[in-house]
């Protein structure tokens, strides 16, 4: 099972999937949409941290 975390990061939101994949978005909604796209390929969980 894949766990994807969305965390605050400097002036945006970081999507943390693994050590290699850590894109940063300015808007939280963009980060959520990206995580949804990545999670649709298999079973997983999206966690949004404050």
N, C-alpha and C. Protein backbone atom coordinates (compact mmCIF):
# COMPACT_ATOMS: atom_id res chain seq x y z
N UNK A 1 0.84 -1.17 0.00
CA UNK A 1 0.00 0.00 0.00
C UNK A 1 0.89 1.24 0.00
N UNK A 2 0.54 2.19 -0.83
CA UNK A 2 1.29 3.43 -0.95
C UNK A 2 0.69 4.48 -0.03
N UNK A 3 1.54 5.17 0.70
CA UNK A 3 1.11 6.29 1.55
C UNK A 3 1.70 7.56 0.98
N UNK A 4 0.84 8.53 0.66
CA UNK A 4 1.28 9.82 0.13
C UNK A 4 0.90 10.89 1.15
N UNK A 5 1.88 11.68 1.57
CA UNK A 5 1.63 12.73 2.55
C UNK A 5 1.73 14.10 1.89
N UNK A 6 0.83 14.98 2.26
CA UNK A 6 0.85 16.38 1.81
C UNK A 6 1.17 17.21 3.04
N UNK A 7 2.29 17.94 2.97
CA UNK A 7 2.77 18.70 4.13
C UNK A 7 3.02 20.16 3.75
N UNK A 8 2.87 21.07 4.73
CA UNK A 8 3.28 22.45 4.47
C UNK A 8 4.79 22.49 4.25
N UNK A 9 5.23 23.31 3.30
CA UNK A 9 6.65 23.40 2.98
C UNK A 9 6.98 24.81 2.52
N UNK A 10 7.70 25.55 3.31
CA UNK A 10 8.08 26.93 3.02
C UNK A 10 6.86 27.73 2.57
N UNK A 11 6.78 28.12 1.31
CA UNK A 11 5.64 28.91 0.82
C UNK A 11 4.67 28.08 0.00
N UNK A 12 4.58 26.78 0.29
CA UNK A 12 3.70 25.93 -0.50
C UNK A 12 3.40 24.63 0.22
N UNK A 13 3.10 23.61 -0.58
CA UNK A 13 2.75 22.29 -0.07
C UNK A 13 3.59 21.24 -0.77
N UNK A 14 4.19 20.35 0.01
CA UNK A 14 5.03 19.30 -0.54
C UNK A 14 4.26 17.98 -0.53
N UNK A 15 4.31 17.29 -1.65
CA UNK A 15 3.72 15.95 -1.75
C UNK A 15 4.86 14.96 -1.57
N UNK A 16 4.84 14.23 -0.47
CA UNK A 16 5.92 13.30 -0.15
C UNK A 16 5.45 11.88 -0.42
N UNK A 17 5.98 11.28 -1.47
CA UNK A 17 5.63 9.90 -1.81
C UNK A 17 6.79 8.96 -1.50
N UNK A 18 7.99 9.39 -1.78
CA UNK A 18 9.19 8.61 -1.47
C UNK A 18 10.35 9.59 -1.37
N UNK A 19 11.52 9.07 -1.11
CA UNK A 19 12.69 9.94 -0.98
C UNK A 19 12.99 10.66 -2.29
N UNK A 20 12.66 10.04 -3.41
CA UNK A 20 12.98 10.61 -4.72
C UNK A 20 11.87 11.54 -5.24
N UNK A 21 10.61 11.24 -4.91
CA UNK A 21 9.48 12.00 -5.45
C UNK A 21 8.94 12.93 -4.37
N UNK A 22 9.23 14.25 -4.49
CA UNK A 22 8.79 15.24 -3.51
C UNK A 22 8.47 16.57 -4.18
N UNK A 23 7.49 16.62 -5.09
CA UNK A 23 7.17 17.90 -5.74
C UNK A 23 6.54 18.88 -4.76
N UNK A 24 6.71 20.17 -5.03
CA UNK A 24 6.16 21.24 -4.19
C UNK A 24 5.21 22.07 -5.04
N UNK A 25 4.04 22.38 -4.48
CA UNK A 25 3.02 23.17 -5.15
C UNK A 25 2.70 24.40 -4.32
N UNK A 26 2.29 25.48 -4.96
CA UNK A 26 1.94 26.71 -4.25
C UNK A 26 0.59 26.61 -3.57
N UNK A 27 -0.33 25.84 -4.15
CA UNK A 27 -1.69 25.74 -3.64
C UNK A 27 -1.95 24.33 -3.11
N UNK A 28 -2.65 24.23 -1.99
CA UNK A 28 -2.93 22.93 -1.40
C UNK A 28 -3.81 22.09 -2.33
N UNK A 29 -4.74 22.71 -3.03
CA UNK A 29 -5.63 21.98 -3.95
C UNK A 29 -4.84 21.33 -5.09
N UNK A 30 -3.81 22.01 -5.58
CA UNK A 30 -2.96 21.43 -6.62
C UNK A 30 -2.23 20.19 -6.09
N UNK A 31 -1.76 20.27 -4.86
CA UNK A 31 -1.07 19.14 -4.24
C UNK A 31 -2.01 17.95 -4.07
N UNK A 32 -3.24 18.22 -3.67
CA UNK A 32 -4.22 17.15 -3.50
C UNK A 32 -4.55 16.50 -4.84
N UNK A 33 -4.74 17.30 -5.87
CA UNK A 33 -5.02 16.74 -7.20
C UNK A 33 -3.88 15.88 -7.71
N UNK A 34 -2.64 16.31 -7.48
CA UNK A 34 -1.48 15.52 -7.88
C UNK A 34 -1.46 14.18 -7.13
N UNK A 35 -1.71 14.23 -5.82
CA UNK A 35 -1.70 13.01 -5.01
C UNK A 35 -2.81 12.06 -5.46
N UNK A 36 -3.97 12.58 -5.78
CA UNK A 36 -5.06 11.74 -6.28
C UNK A 36 -4.66 11.05 -7.58
N UNK A 37 -4.00 11.77 -8.45
CA UNK A 37 -3.54 11.19 -9.70
C UNK A 37 -2.52 10.09 -9.49
N UNK A 38 -1.63 10.27 -8.54
CA UNK A 38 -0.62 9.25 -8.25
C UNK A 38 -1.23 8.03 -7.56
N UNK A 39 -2.24 8.24 -6.73
CA UNK A 39 -2.83 7.14 -5.97
C UNK A 39 -3.77 6.29 -6.82
N UNK A 40 -4.24 6.79 -7.94
CA UNK A 40 -5.21 6.04 -8.74
C UNK A 40 -4.61 4.80 -9.40
N UNK A 41 -3.29 4.66 -9.41
CA UNK A 41 -2.65 3.52 -10.05
C UNK A 41 -2.62 2.28 -9.16
N UNK A 42 -3.03 2.38 -7.93
CA UNK A 42 -3.02 1.23 -7.03
C UNK A 42 -3.67 1.61 -5.71
N UNK A 43 -3.64 0.69 -4.78
CA UNK A 43 -4.22 0.99 -3.48
C UNK A 43 -3.28 1.92 -2.72
N UNK A 44 -3.85 2.86 -2.02
CA UNK A 44 -3.03 3.81 -1.29
C UNK A 44 -3.83 4.67 -0.35
N UNK A 45 -3.14 5.54 0.34
CA UNK A 45 -3.74 6.43 1.31
C UNK A 45 -3.11 7.79 1.16
N UNK A 46 -3.93 8.84 1.19
CA UNK A 46 -3.43 10.21 1.13
C UNK A 46 -3.64 10.83 2.50
N UNK A 47 -2.57 11.37 3.06
CA UNK A 47 -2.63 12.02 4.37
C UNK A 47 -2.28 13.50 4.18
N UNK A 48 -3.12 14.37 4.71
CA UNK A 48 -2.86 15.81 4.66
C UNK A 48 -2.48 16.26 6.06
N UNK A 49 -1.25 16.73 6.21
CA UNK A 49 -0.72 17.14 7.52
C UNK A 49 -0.71 18.66 7.62
N UNK A 50 -0.94 19.17 8.81
CA UNK A 50 -0.87 20.61 9.05
C UNK A 50 0.36 20.98 9.79
